[in-house]
């Protein structure tokens, strides 16, 4: 049914958009925390440390979610 699929797609898009807004808010909060801990003097280095830490966390969480999806039998798009 085309109407149902459209609603499903719109819900997915809205959820993704809200997730992006939340991620941007957390991004600013965590950057401020890094600046507070490391200080302004670190500049570029602290940004790279932040990017590396966030990347590691994202990879670990994504990997865990994939394993959980396999365990419960959810088909994921790859």
N, C-alpha and C. Protein backbone atom coordinates (compact mmCIF):
# COMPACT_ATOMS: atom_id res chain seq x y z
N UNK A 1 0.84 -1.17 0.00
CA UNK A 1 0.00 0.00 0.00
C UNK A 1 0.89 1.25 0.00
N UNK A 2 0.81 2.09 -1.04
CA UNK A 2 1.70 3.25 -1.16
C UNK A 2 1.56 4.25 -0.02
N UNK A 3 0.37 4.47 0.49
CA UNK A 3 0.17 5.43 1.57
C UNK A 3 0.91 5.03 2.83
N UNK A 4 0.84 3.77 3.16
CA UNK A 4 1.52 3.26 4.35
C UNK A 4 3.03 3.38 4.23
N UNK A 5 3.54 3.08 3.07
CA UNK A 5 4.98 3.16 2.84
C UNK A 5 5.45 4.61 2.93
N UNK A 6 4.64 5.54 2.44
CA UNK A 6 4.99 6.96 2.53
C UNK A 6 5.05 7.42 3.98
N UNK A 7 4.07 7.00 4.76
CA UNK A 7 4.05 7.37 6.18
C UNK A 7 5.27 6.78 6.89
N UNK A 8 5.58 5.54 6.59
CA UNK A 8 6.75 4.89 7.19
C UNK A 8 8.03 5.64 6.84
N UNK A 9 8.16 6.03 5.58
CA UNK A 9 9.34 6.78 5.15
C UNK A 9 9.42 8.13 5.85
N UNK A 10 8.29 8.81 5.97
CA UNK A 10 8.28 10.12 6.65
C UNK A 10 8.65 9.98 8.12
N UNK A 11 8.18 8.93 8.76
CA UNK A 11 8.54 8.70 10.16
C UNK A 11 10.03 8.44 10.29
N UNK A 12 10.59 7.65 9.38
CA UNK A 12 12.03 7.38 9.41
C UNK A 12 12.83 8.66 9.19
N UNK A 13 12.38 9.49 8.25
CA UNK A 13 13.08 10.74 7.98
C UNK A 13 13.01 11.68 9.18
N UNK A 14 11.85 11.78 9.80
CA UNK A 14 11.69 12.65 10.97
C UNK A 14 12.54 12.15 12.13
N UNK A 15 12.55 10.85 12.34
CA UNK A 15 13.36 10.27 13.41
C UNK A 15 14.84 10.54 13.17
N UNK A 16 15.28 10.39 11.94
CA UNK A 16 16.67 10.67 11.60
C UNK A 16 17.00 12.13 11.81
N UNK A 17 16.10 13.01 11.42
CA UNK A 17 16.33 14.45 11.60
C UNK A 17 16.43 14.81 13.08
N UNK A 18 15.55 14.27 13.90
CA UNK A 18 15.62 14.54 15.34
C UNK A 18 16.90 13.97 15.93
N UNK A 19 17.32 12.82 15.44
CA UNK A 19 18.58 12.24 15.89
C UNK A 19 19.76 13.12 15.55
N UNK A 20 19.73 13.72 14.37
CA UNK A 20 20.79 14.64 13.96
C UNK A 20 20.82 15.87 14.85
N UNK A 21 19.66 16.42 15.16
CA UNK A 21 19.59 17.59 16.04
C UNK A 21 20.17 17.24 17.42
N UNK A 22 19.80 16.09 17.95
CA UNK A 22 20.33 15.66 19.24
C UNK A 22 21.84 15.46 19.17
N UNK A 23 22.31 14.87 18.09
CA UNK A 23 23.75 14.65 17.92
C UNK A 23 24.51 15.96 17.87
N UNK A 24 23.97 16.95 17.18
CA UNK A 24 24.63 18.25 17.11
C UNK A 24 24.67 18.92 18.48
N UNK A 25 23.61 18.77 19.25
CA UNK A 25 23.60 19.33 20.61
C UNK A 25 24.65 18.66 21.48
N UNK A 26 24.72 17.34 21.40
CA UNK A 26 25.74 16.61 22.16
C UNK A 26 27.14 16.96 21.68
N UNK A 27 27.28 17.17 20.38
CA UNK A 27 28.58 17.55 19.82
C UNK A 27 29.10 18.81 20.49
N UNK A 28 28.26 19.82 20.58
CA UNK A 28 28.66 21.08 21.21
C UNK A 28 28.98 20.89 22.69
N UNK A 29 28.16 20.11 23.37
CA UNK A 29 28.38 19.88 24.80
C UNK A 29 29.71 19.16 25.04
N UNK A 30 29.98 18.14 24.26
CA UNK A 30 31.21 17.37 24.44
C UNK A 30 32.42 18.20 24.04
N UNK A 31 32.30 19.00 22.98
CA UNK A 31 33.41 19.88 22.60
C UNK A 31 33.72 20.87 23.72
N UNK A 32 32.69 21.40 24.35
CA UNK A 32 32.90 22.33 25.47
C UNK A 32 33.59 21.62 26.63
N UNK A 33 33.19 20.38 26.89
CA UNK A 33 33.82 19.60 27.95
C UNK A 33 35.30 19.37 27.65
N UNK A 34 35.62 18.99 26.41
CA UNK A 34 37.01 18.79 26.02
C UNK A 34 37.80 20.08 26.20
N UNK A 35 37.23 21.21 25.80
CA UNK A 35 37.92 22.49 25.94
C UNK A 35 38.14 22.80 27.42
N UNK A 36 37.17 22.48 28.25
CA UNK A 36 37.28 22.71 29.70
C UNK A 36 38.39 21.84 30.29
N UNK A 37 38.45 20.59 29.88
CA UNK A 37 39.44 19.66 30.43
C UNK A 37 40.83 19.93 29.87
N UNK A 38 40.94 20.03 28.56
CA UNK A 38 42.24 20.16 27.92
C UNK A 38 42.68 21.61 27.85
N UNK A 39 41.74 22.52 27.70
CA UNK A 39 42.06 23.93 27.61
C UNK A 39 42.13 24.40 26.17
N UNK A 40 42.12 25.70 25.99
CA UNK A 40 42.15 26.30 24.65
C UNK A 40 43.48 26.05 23.95
N UNK A 41 44.55 25.92 24.71
CA UNK A 41 45.88 25.81 24.11
C UNK A 41 46.05 24.60 23.20
N UNK A 42 45.27 23.55 23.45
CA UNK A 42 45.42 22.34 22.66
C UNK A 42 44.86 22.51 21.24
N UNK A 43 43.83 23.32 21.08
CA UNK A 43 43.27 23.66 19.77
C UNK A 43 43.01 22.48 18.87
N UNK A 44 43.80 22.38 17.80
CA UNK A 44 43.60 21.36 16.78
C UNK A 44 43.78 19.95 17.35
N UNK A 45 44.74 19.80 18.23
CA UNK A 45 44.99 18.47 18.79
C UNK A 45 43.76 17.97 19.55
N UNK A 46 43.13 18.84 20.33
CA UNK A 46 41.95 18.40 21.07
C UNK A 46 40.80 18.05 20.13
N UNK A 47 40.70 18.73 19.00
CA UNK A 47 39.66 18.39 18.02
C UNK A 47 39.89 17.01 17.43
N UNK A 48 41.16 16.68 17.16
CA UNK A 48 41.47 15.36 16.63
C UNK A 48 41.22 14.28 17.68
N UNK A 49 41.61 14.55 18.92
CA UNK A 49 41.35 13.59 20.00
C UNK A 49 39.85 13.36 20.13
N UNK A 50 39.09 14.43 20.11
CA UNK A 50 37.63 14.35 20.19
C UNK A 50 37.08 13.52 19.04
N UNK A 51 37.53 13.79 17.82
CA UNK A 51 37.05 13.06 16.64
C UNK A 51 37.38 11.57 16.73
N UNK A 52 38.57 11.26 17.21
CA UNK A 52 38.97 9.86 17.34
C UNK A 52 38.13 9.15 18.40
N UNK A 53 37.94 9.79 19.54
CA UNK A 53 37.14 9.19 20.61
C UNK A 53 35.71 8.94 20.14
N UNK A 54 35.11 9.93 19.49
CA UNK A 54 33.74 9.79 19.00
C UNK A 54 33.66 8.68 17.95
N UNK A 55 34.63 8.60 17.06
CA UNK A 55 34.64 7.56 16.03
C UNK A 55 34.71 6.17 16.66
N UNK A 56 35.57 6.01 17.65
CA UNK A 56 35.69 4.72 18.33
C UNK A 56 34.37 4.33 18.99
N UNK A 57 33.74 5.29 19.66
CA UNK A 57 32.46 5.02 20.32
C UNK A 57 31.40 4.63 19.30
N UNK A 58 31.33 5.36 18.19
CA UNK A 58 30.33 5.07 17.16
C UNK A 58 30.54 3.68 16.56
N UNK A 59 31.79 3.32 16.29
CA UNK A 59 32.08 2.00 15.73
C UNK A 59 31.68 0.90 16.72
N UNK A 60 32.02 1.08 17.99
CA UNK A 60 31.67 0.07 18.99
C UNK A 60 30.15 -0.08 19.14
N UNK A 61 29.45 1.04 19.23
CA UNK A 61 27.99 0.99 19.39
C UNK A 61 27.33 0.38 18.16
N UNK A 62 27.78 0.78 16.97
CA UNK A 62 27.22 0.24 15.73
C UNK A 62 27.45 -1.26 15.64
N UNK A 63 28.63 -1.69 16.01
CA UNK A 63 28.95 -3.12 15.99
C UNK A 63 28.05 -3.89 16.96
N UNK A 64 27.89 -3.36 18.16
CA UNK A 64 27.03 -4.01 19.15
C UNK A 64 25.58 -4.08 18.68
N UNK A 65 25.10 -2.99 18.09
CA UNK A 65 23.72 -2.97 17.60
C UNK A 65 23.53 -3.99 16.48
N UNK A 66 24.53 -4.13 15.61
CA UNK A 66 24.46 -5.12 14.55
C UNK A 66 24.38 -6.54 15.10
N UNK A 67 25.20 -6.82 16.12
CA UNK A 67 25.17 -8.14 16.74
C UNK A 67 23.84 -8.40 17.44
N UNK A 68 23.31 -7.37 18.09
CA UNK A 68 22.01 -7.50 18.75
C UNK A 68 20.91 -7.78 17.72
N UNK A 69 20.97 -7.08 16.59
CA UNK A 69 19.98 -7.28 15.54
C UNK A 69 20.04 -8.71 15.01
N UNK A 70 21.26 -9.23 14.83
CA UNK A 70 21.40 -10.62 14.38
C UNK A 70 20.82 -11.59 15.40
N UNK A 71 21.08 -11.32 16.67
CA UNK A 71 20.61 -12.21 17.74
C UNK A 71 19.10 -12.29 17.81
N UNK A 72 18.43 -11.17 17.59
CA UNK A 72 16.97 -11.17 17.67
C UNK A 72 16.31 -11.42 16.32
N UNK A 73 17.14 -11.59 15.28
CA UNK A 73 16.61 -11.94 13.97
C UNK A 73 16.08 -10.79 13.14
N UNK A 74 16.58 -9.60 13.40
CA UNK A 74 16.16 -8.43 12.62
C UNK A 74 17.06 -8.31 11.41
N UNK A 75 16.45 -8.14 10.24
CA UNK A 75 17.22 -7.97 9.01
C UNK A 75 17.65 -6.51 8.91
N UNK A 76 18.96 -6.28 8.75
CA UNK A 76 19.47 -4.92 8.62
C UNK A 76 19.89 -4.67 7.18
N UNK A 77 19.73 -3.43 6.73
CA UNK A 77 20.17 -3.05 5.39
C UNK A 77 21.66 -2.78 5.43
N UNK A 78 22.39 -3.34 4.47
CA UNK A 78 23.84 -3.12 4.43
C UNK A 78 24.23 -2.54 3.11
